[in-house]
Amino acid sequence: MELSNYFGEFVALATIHFLAVVAPGADFAVTIRQSVRFGRWVGICTALGIGAGISVHVLYTLLGVGALMHTTPWLLTVAKVVGGAYILYLGASLLRSQPKSALEGDKGPDEPKVEQTLPKAFTTGFLTNATNPKATLFFLAIFTTLVSVTTPLSVQAMYGVWMCFVNALWFVIVALFFSSPRVRLMFMRMGHWFERTMGVILILFAGRMMLSM
């Protein structure tokens, strides 16, 4: 099998995927929120979870479930409802953010410190991407229009691994930037208003997806 035969297909797929990744969306908002509120390692674990979440979309696409959902509208509707509900939940939780005194590092000596475990951060990132109906629609579109039906399954799997890697790398970079001391301090000063803004963005995103059903 000559991988060079699929180079053009890969470049087209990788380019469109990268443009979709860097466009602000639910993954971007959650990564920023996690990095600003909880710090670098939580942000990185969230980013790695987002990268891993892509594997869910890759897996069902390779198994042919994507084609099934494309031809069975009610399955796609279920995916949209589940994904939209989870993103709506994330947004609602951010809208309940408390003023600065309730943020990490601003607690009094007798008050509990706000923390998040690394496994929970990974799970948050994973679920944010894996349940995102926008990602479902994206994979249905690119794998049915850009990837030839004659492309071997092994090559398509390599495409999927690449996309997981790019997703994780991009959001790790986002996490590193927004968790740097200077940037984090600037955003921490915004406190609950910043988190509530992120919550509104997620709710609007979920609402838009729901209305498109």
C-alpha atoms as a PDB file:
ATOM      1  CA  MET A   1       0.000   0.000   0.000  1.00  0.00           C
ATOM      2  CA  GLU A   2       1.509   3.305  -1.120  1.00  0.00           C
ATOM      3  CA  LEU A   3       0.649   5.991   1.443  1.00  0.00           C
ATOM      4  CA  SER A   4       1.737   8.631  -1.075  1.00  0.00           C
ATOM      5  CA  ASN A   5      -1.354   7.775  -3.098  1.00  0.00           C
ATOM      6  CA  TYR A   6      -3.496   9.252  -0.334  1.00  0.00           C
ATOM      7  CA  PHE A   7      -1.384  12.353   0.372  1.00  0.00           C
ATOM      8  CA  GLY A   8      -3.724  14.745  -1.441  1.00  0.00           C
ATOM      9  CA  GLU A   9      -6.745  13.336   0.362  1.00  0.00           C
ATOM     10  CA  PHE A  10      -4.935  13.610   3.695  1.00  0.00           C
ATOM     11  CA  VAL A  11      -3.905  17.237   3.100  1.00  0.00           C
ATOM     12  CA  ALA A  12      -7.493  18.222   2.250  1.00  0.00           C
ATOM     13  CA  LEU A  13      -8.837  16.396   5.298  1.00  0.00           C
ATOM     14  CA  ALA A  14      -6.158  17.762   7.638  1.00  0.00           C
ATOM     15  CA  THR A  15      -6.630  21.347   6.433  1.00  0.00           C
ATOM     16  CA  ILE A  16     -10.395  21.394   6.873  1.00  0.00           C
ATOM     17  CA  HIS A  17     -10.092  19.644  10.230  1.00  0.00           C
ATOM     18  CA  PHE A  18      -7.538  22.166  11.510  1.00  0.00           C
ATOM     19  CA  LEU A  19      -9.719  25.102  10.505  1.00  0.00           C
ATOM     20  CA  ALA A  20     -12.630  23.500  12.366  1.00  0.00           C
ATOM     21  CA  VAL A  21     -10.482  22.872  15.452  1.00  0.00           C
ATOM     22  CA  VAL A  22      -9.207  26.450  15.826  1.00  0.00           C
ATOM     23  CA  ALA A  23     -12.684  27.944  15.355  1.00  0.00           C
ATOM     24  CA  PRO A  24     -14.017  28.883  18.831  1.00  0.00           C
ATOM     25  CA  GLY A  25     -16.642  26.478  20.090  1.00  0.00           C
ATOM     26  CA  ALA A  26     -17.571  24.359  23.093  1.00  0.00           C
ATOM     27  CA  ASP A  27     -14.119  22.722  23.324  1.00  0.00           C
ATOM     28  CA  PHE A  28     -12.404  26.109  23.243  1.00  0.00           C
ATOM     29  CA  ALA A  29     -14.657  27.626  25.908  1.00  0.00           C
ATOM     30  CA  VAL A  30     -14.280  24.657  28.269  1.00  0.00           C
ATOM     31  CA  THR A  31     -10.496  24.536  27.879  1.00  0.00           C
ATOM     32  CA  ILE A  32     -10.175  28.244  28.681  1.00  0.00           C
ATOM     33  CA  ARG A  33     -12.471  27.945  31.672  1.00  0.00           C
ATOM     34  CA  GLN A  34     -10.623  24.948  33.088  1.00  0.00           C
ATOM     35  CA  SER A  35      -7.197  26.527  32.566  1.00  0.00           C
ATOM     36  CA  VAL A  36      -8.103  29.877  34.087  1.00  0.00           C
ATOM     37  CA  ARG A  37      -9.984  28.503  37.076  1.00  0.00           C
ATOM     38  CA  PHE A  38      -7.905  25.449  37.979  1.00  0.00           C
ATOM     39  CA  GLY A  39      -4.493  25.969  36.413  1.00  0.00           C
ATOM     40  CA  ARG A  40      -2.131  24.436  33.895  1.00  0.00           C
ATOM     41  CA  TRP A  41      -2.362  20.705  34.583  1.00  0.00           C
ATOM     42  CA  VAL A  42      -6.145  20.670  34.760  1.00  0.00           C
ATOM     43  CA  GLY A  43      -6.215  22.598  31.479  1.00  0.00           C
ATOM     44  CA  ILE A  44      -3.795  20.143  29.866  1.00  0.00           C
ATOM     45  CA  CYS A  45      -5.774  17.109  31.061  1.00  0.00           C
ATOM     46  CA  THR A  46      -8.954  18.714  29.728  1.00  0.00           C
ATOM     47  CA  ALA A  47      -7.211  19.208  26.365  1.00  0.00           C
ATOM     48  CA  LEU A  48      -6.062  15.579  26.311  1.00  0.00           C
ATOM     49  CA  GLY A  49      -9.630  14.514  27.078  1.00  0.00           C
ATOM     50  CA  ILE A  50     -10.868  16.561  24.119  1.00  0.00           C
ATOM     51  CA  GLY A  51      -8.304  14.850  21.898  1.00  0.00           C
ATOM     52  CA  ALA A  52      -9.415  11.456  23.155  1.00  0.00           C
ATOM     53  CA  GLY A  53     -13.049  12.401  22.597  1.00  0.00           C
ATOM     54  CA  ILE A  54     -12.373  12.625  18.868  1.00  0.00           C
ATOM     55  CA  SER A  55     -11.664   8.871  18.913  1.00  0.00           C
ATOM     56  CA  VAL A  56     -15.368   8.244  19.561  1.00  0.00           C
ATOM     57  CA  HIS A  57     -16.317   9.997  16.320  1.00  0.00           C
ATOM     58  CA  VAL A  58     -13.501   8.273  14.431  1.00  0.00           C
ATOM     59  CA  LEU A  59     -14.555   4.869  15.750  1.00  0.00           C
ATOM     60  CA  TYR A  60     -18.224   5.066  14.806  1.00  0.00           C
ATOM     61  CA  THR A  61     -17.309   6.523  11.420  1.00  0.00           C
ATOM     62  CA  LEU A  62     -14.931   3.652  10.660  1.00  0.00           C
ATOM     63  CA  LEU A  63     -17.509   1.129  11.855  1.00  0.00           C
ATOM     64  CA  GLY A  64     -20.077   2.557   9.483  1.00  0.00           C
ATOM     65  CA  VAL A  65     -22.291   3.970  12.208  1.00  0.00           C
ATOM     66  CA  GLY A  66     -21.765   7.429  10.712  1.00  0.00           C
ATOM     67  CA  ALA A  67     -23.290   6.299   7.431  1.00  0.00           C
ATOM     68  CA  LEU A  68     -26.158   4.680   9.341  1.00  0.00           C
ATOM     69  CA  MET A  69     -26.859   7.912  11.223  1.00  0.00           C
ATOM     70  CA  HIS A  70     -26.722   9.807   7.954  1.00  0.00           C
ATOM     71  CA  THR A  71     -29.433   7.583   6.471  1.00  0.00           C
ATOM     72  CA  THR A  72     -31.463   7.287   9.704  1.00  0.00           C
ATOM     73  CA  PRO A  73     -32.509  10.815  10.732  1.00  0.00           C
ATOM     74  CA  TRP A  74     -33.846   9.879  14.169  1.00  0.00           C
ATOM     75  CA  LEU A  75     -30.435   8.548  15.254  1.00  0.00           C
ATOM     76  CA  LEU A  76     -28.843  11.854  14.333  1.00  0.00           C
ATOM     77  CA  THR A  77     -31.592  13.660  16.230  1.00  0.00           C
ATOM     78  CA  VAL A  78     -30.864  11.574  19.347  1.00  0.00           C
ATOM     79  CA  ALA A  79     -27.158  12.409  19.039  1.00  0.00           C
ATOM     80  CA  LYS A  80     -27.990  16.110  18.801  1.00  0.00           C
ATOM     81  CA  VAL A  81     -30.285  16.011  21.826  1.00  0.00           C
ATOM     82  CA  VAL A  82     -27.778  14.154  24.023  1.00  0.00           C
ATOM     83  CA  GLY A  83     -24.871  16.351  22.960  1.00  0.00           C
ATOM     84  CA  GLY A  84     -26.852  19.555  23.230  1.00  0.00           C
ATOM     85  CA  ALA A  85     -28.109  18.596  26.695  1.00  0.00           C
ATOM     86  CA  TYR A  86     -24.591  17.996  27.999  1.00  0.00           C
ATOM     87  CA  ILE A  87     -23.268  21.292  26.607  1.00  0.00           C
ATOM     88  CA  LEU A  88     -26.340  23.037  28.028  1.00  0.00           C
ATOM     89  CA  TYR A  89     -25.531  21.496  31.422  1.00  0.00           C
ATOM     90  CA  LEU A  90     -21.963  22.805  31.255  1.00  0.00           C
ATOM     91  CA  GLY A  91     -23.205  26.263  30.350  1.00  0.00           C
ATOM     92  CA  ALA A  92     -25.760  26.309  33.166  1.00  0.00           C
ATOM     93  CA  SER A  93     -23.101  25.266  35.687  1.00  0.00           C
ATOM     94  CA  LEU A  94     -20.892  28.167  34.592  1.00  0.00           C
ATOM     95  CA  LEU A  95     -23.782  30.636  34.913  1.00  0.00           C
ATOM     96  CA  ARG A  96     -23.933  29.697  38.594  1.00  0.00           C
ATOM     97  CA  SER A  97     -20.311  30.761  39.135  1.00  0.00           C
ATOM     98  CA  GLN A  98     -19.796  32.798  42.292  1.00  0.00           C
ATOM     99  CA  PRO A  99     -17.954  36.128  42.646  1.00  0.00           C
ATOM    100  CA  LYS A 100     -14.189  36.281  42.970  1.00  0.00           C
ATOM    101  CA  SER A 101     -14.169  35.417  46.660  1.00  0.00           C
ATOM    102  CA  ALA A 102     -15.345  31.937  45.725  1.00  0.00           C
ATOM    103  CA  LEU A 103     -12.534  31.320  43.250  1.00  0.00           C
ATOM    104  CA  GLU A 104      -9.421  29.301  43.970  1.00  0.00           C
ATOM    105  CA  GLY A 105      -6.897  31.206  45.995  1.00  0.00           C
ATOM    106  CA  ASP A 106      -9.478  33.702  47.333  1.00  0.00           C
ATOM    107  CA  LYS A 107     -10.948  31.483  50.016  1.00  0.00           C
ATOM    108  CA  GLY A 108     -10.554  32.339  53.646  1.00  0.00           C
ATOM    109  CA  PRO A 109      -8.482  30.063  55.926  1.00  0.00           C
ATOM    110  CA  ASP A 110     -11.567  28.204  57.151  1.00  0.00           C
ATOM    111  CA  GLU A 111     -13.219  27.828  53.727  1.00  0.00           C
ATOM    112  CA  PRO A 112     -12.683  24.834  51.405  1.00  0.00           C
ATOM    113  CA  LYS A 113     -10.415  25.384  48.409  1.00  0.00           C
ATOM    114  CA  VAL A 114     -11.954  24.946  44.951  1.00  0.00           C
ATOM    115  CA  GLU A 115     -10.129  22.114  43.199  1.00  0.00           C
ATOM    116  CA  GLN A 116     -10.598  19.622  40.383  1.00  0.00           C
ATOM    117  CA  THR A 117      -8.874  16.276  40.004  1.00  0.00           C
ATOM    118  CA  LEU A 118      -6.947  15.503  36.831  1.00  0.00           C
ATOM    119  CA  PRO A 119      -9.129  12.463  35.974  1.00  0.00           C
ATOM    120  CA  LYS A 120     -12.240  14.635  36.303  1.00  0.00           C
ATOM    121  CA  ALA A 121     -10.643  17.261  34.056  1.00  0.00           C
ATOM    122  CA  PHE A 122      -9.891  14.578  31.452  1.00  0.00           C
ATOM    123  CA  THR A 123     -13.468  13.293  31.663  1.00  0.00           C
ATOM    124  CA  THR A 124     -14.856  16.814  31.258  1.00  0.00           C
ATOM    125  CA  GLY A 125     -12.828  17.326  28.093  1.00  0.00           C
ATOM    126  CA  PHE A 126     -13.696  13.871  26.766  1.00  0.00           C
ATOM    127  CA  LEU A 127     -17.452  14.263  27.263  1.00  0.00           C
ATOM    128  CA  THR A 128     -17.451  17.821  25.900  1.00  0.00           C
ATOM    129  CA  ASN A 129     -16.100  16.590  22.576  1.00  0.00           C
ATOM    130  CA  ALA A 130     -17.583  13.081  22.429  1.00  0.00           C
ATOM    131  CA  THR A 131     -21.143  14.370  22.972  1.00  0.00           C
ATOM    132  CA  ASN A 132     -20.762  17.416  20.746  1.00  0.00           C
ATOM    133  CA  PRO A 133     -23.266  17.090  17.864  1.00  0.00           C
ATOM    134  CA  LYS A 134     -21.206  19.597  15.878  1.00  0.00           C
ATOM    135  CA  ALA A 135     -18.370  17.052  15.817  1.00  0.00           C
ATOM    136  CA  THR A 136     -20.809  14.342  14.738  1.00  0.00           C
ATOM    137  CA  LEU A 137     -22.001  16.449  11.806  1.00  0.00           C
ATOM    138  CA  PHE A 138     -18.432  17.394  10.934  1.00  0.00           C
ATOM    139  CA  PHE A 139     -17.241  13.804  10.713  1.00  0.00           C
ATOM    140  CA  LEU A 140     -20.276  12.750   8.722  1.00  0.00           C
ATOM    141  CA  ALA A 141     -19.538  15.545   6.264  1.00  0.00           C
ATOM    142  CA  ILE A 142     -15.805  15.111   5.751  1.00  0.00           C
ATOM    143  CA  PHE A 143     -15.720  11.329   5.690  1.00  0.00           C
ATOM    144  CA  THR A 144     -18.520  11.153   3.152  1.00  0.00           C
ATOM    145  CA  THR A 145     -17.213  13.935   0.897  1.00  0.00           C
ATOM    146  CA  LEU A 146     -13.413  13.986   1.232  1.00  0.00           C
ATOM    147  CA  VAL A 147     -12.524  10.356   1.908  1.00  0.00           C
ATOM    148  CA  SER A 148     -12.902   7.978  -1.017  1.00  0.00           C
ATOM    149  CA  VAL A 149     -14.808   4.735  -0.498  1.00  0.00           C
ATOM    150  CA  THR A 150     -11.726   2.962  -1.877  1.00  0.00           C
ATOM    151  CA  THR A 151      -9.445   4.352   0.831  1.00  0.00           C
ATOM    152  CA  PRO A 152      -8.324   1.395   3.006  1.00  0.00           C
ATOM    153  CA  LEU A 153      -9.644   1.213   6.552  1.00  0.00           C
ATOM    154  CA  SER A 154      -6.087   1.320   7.888  1.00  0.00           C
ATOM    155  CA  VAL A 155      -5.445   4.639   6.125  1.00  0.00           C
ATOM    156  CA  GLN A 156      -8.716   6.070   7.434  1.00  0.00           C
ATOM    157  CA  ALA A 157      -7.668   4.981  10.918  1.00  0.00           C
ATOM    158  CA  MET A 158      -4.411   6.914  10.457  1.00  0.00           C
ATOM    159  CA  TYR A 159      -6.476   9.962   9.526  1.00  0.00           C
ATOM    160  CA  GLY A 160      -8.376   9.522  12.785  1.00  0.00           C
ATOM    161  CA  VAL A 161      -5.203   9.220  14.876  1.00  0.00           C
ATOM    162  CA  TRP A 162      -3.865  12.391  13.256  1.00  0.00           C
ATOM    163  CA  MET A 163      -7.054  14.308  14.068  1.00  0.00           C
ATOM    164  CA  CYS A 164      -6.973  13.127  17.701  1.00  0.00           C
ATOM    165  CA  PHE A 165      -3.353  14.292  17.950  1.00  0.00           C
ATOM    166  CA  VAL A 166      -4.042  17.699  16.382  1.00  0.00           C
ATOM    167  CA  ASN A 167      -7.058  18.296  18.613  1.00  0.00           C
ATOM    168  CA  ALA A 168      -5.111  17.448  21.752  1.00  0.00           C
ATOM    169  CA  LEU A 169      -2.070  19.515  20.691  1.00  0.00           C
ATOM    170  CA  TRP A 170      -4.089  22.608  19.826  1.00  0.00           C
ATOM    171  CA  PHE A 171      -6.007  22.641  23.089  1.00  0.00           C
ATOM    172  CA  VAL A 172      -2.855  21.910  25.099  1.00  0.00           C
ATOM    173  CA  ILE A 173      -1.419  25.088  23.532  1.00  0.00           C
ATOM    174  CA  VAL A 174      -4.630  26.948  24.463  1.00  0.00           C
ATOM    175  CA  ALA A 175      -4.373  25.577  28.020  1.00  0.00           C
ATOM    176  CA  LEU A 176      -0.716  26.595  28.346  1.00  0.00           C
ATOM    177  CA  PHE A 177      -1.489  30.121  27.162  1.00  0.00           C
ATOM    178  CA  PHE A 178      -4.496  30.735  29.391  1.00  0.00           C
ATOM    179  CA  SER A 179      -2.881  29.121  32.438  1.00  0.00           C
ATOM    180  CA  SER A 180       0.287  31.244  32.285  1.00  0.00           C
ATOM    181  CA  PRO A 181       0.572  33.361  35.471  1.00  0.00           C
ATOM    182  CA  ARG A 182       0.104  36.741  33.768  1.00  0.00           C
ATOM    183  CA  VAL A 183      -2.831  35.713  31.566  1.00  0.00           C
ATOM    184  CA  ARG A 184      -4.443  33.695  34.345  1.00  0.00           C
ATOM    185  CA  LEU A 185      -4.193  36.605  36.798  1.00  0.00           C
ATOM    186  CA  MET A 186      -5.821  38.904  34.255  1.00  0.00           C
ATOM    187  CA  PHE A 187      -8.697  36.493  33.716  1.00  0.00           C
ATOM    188  CA  MET A 188      -9.030  35.664  37.415  1.00  0.00           C
ATOM    189  CA  ARG A 189      -9.673  39.342  38.060  1.00  0.00           C
ATOM    190  CA  MET A 190     -12.737  39.029  35.838  1.00  0.00           C
ATOM    191  CA  GLY A 191     -13.806  36.142  38.066  1.00  0.00           C
ATOM    192  CA  HIS A 192     -17.396  35.044  37.877  1.00  0.00           C
ATOM    193  CA  TRP A 193     -18.210  37.419  35.003  1.00  0.00           C
ATOM    194  CA  PHE A 194     -15.750  35.619  32.741  1.00  0.00           C
ATOM    195  CA  GLU A 195     -17.161  32.207  33.664  1.00  0.00           C
ATOM    196  CA  ARG A 196     -20.729  33.392  33.212  1.00  0.00           C
ATOM    197  CA  THR A 197     -19.811  34.705  29.764  1.00  0.00           C
ATOM    198  CA  MET A 198     -18.395  31.279  28.890  1.00  0.00           C
ATOM    199  CA  GLY A 199     -21.649  29.786  30.188  1.00  0.00           C
ATOM    200  CA  VAL A 200     -23.732  32.016  27.925  1.00  0.00           C
ATOM    201  CA  ILE A 201     -21.577  31.022  24.931  1.00  0.00           C
ATOM    202  CA  LEU A 202     -22.087  27.321  25.667  1.00  0.00           C
ATOM    203  CA  ILE A 203     -25.839  27.753  26.150  1.00  0.00           C
ATOM    204  CA  LEU A 204     -26.146  29.678  22.874  1.00  0.00           C
ATOM    205  CA  PHE A 205     -24.093  26.989  21.147  1.00  0.00           C
ATOM    206  CA  ALA A 206     -26.354  24.246  22.536  1.00  0.00           C
ATOM    207  CA  GLY A 207     -29.462  26.216  21.623  1.00  0.00           C
ATOM    208  CA  ARG A 208     -28.279  26.705  18.070  1.00  0.00           C
ATOM    209  CA  MET A 209     -27.670  22.976  17.718  1.00  0.00           C
ATOM    210  CA  MET A 210     -31.108  22.156  19.152  1.00  0.00           C
ATOM    211  CA  LEU A 211     -32.853  24.594  16.813  1.00  0.00           C
ATOM    212  CA  SER A 212     -31.108  23.069  13.794  1.00  0.00           C
ATOM    213  CA  MET A 213     -32.869  19.722  14.361  1.00  0.00           C
END
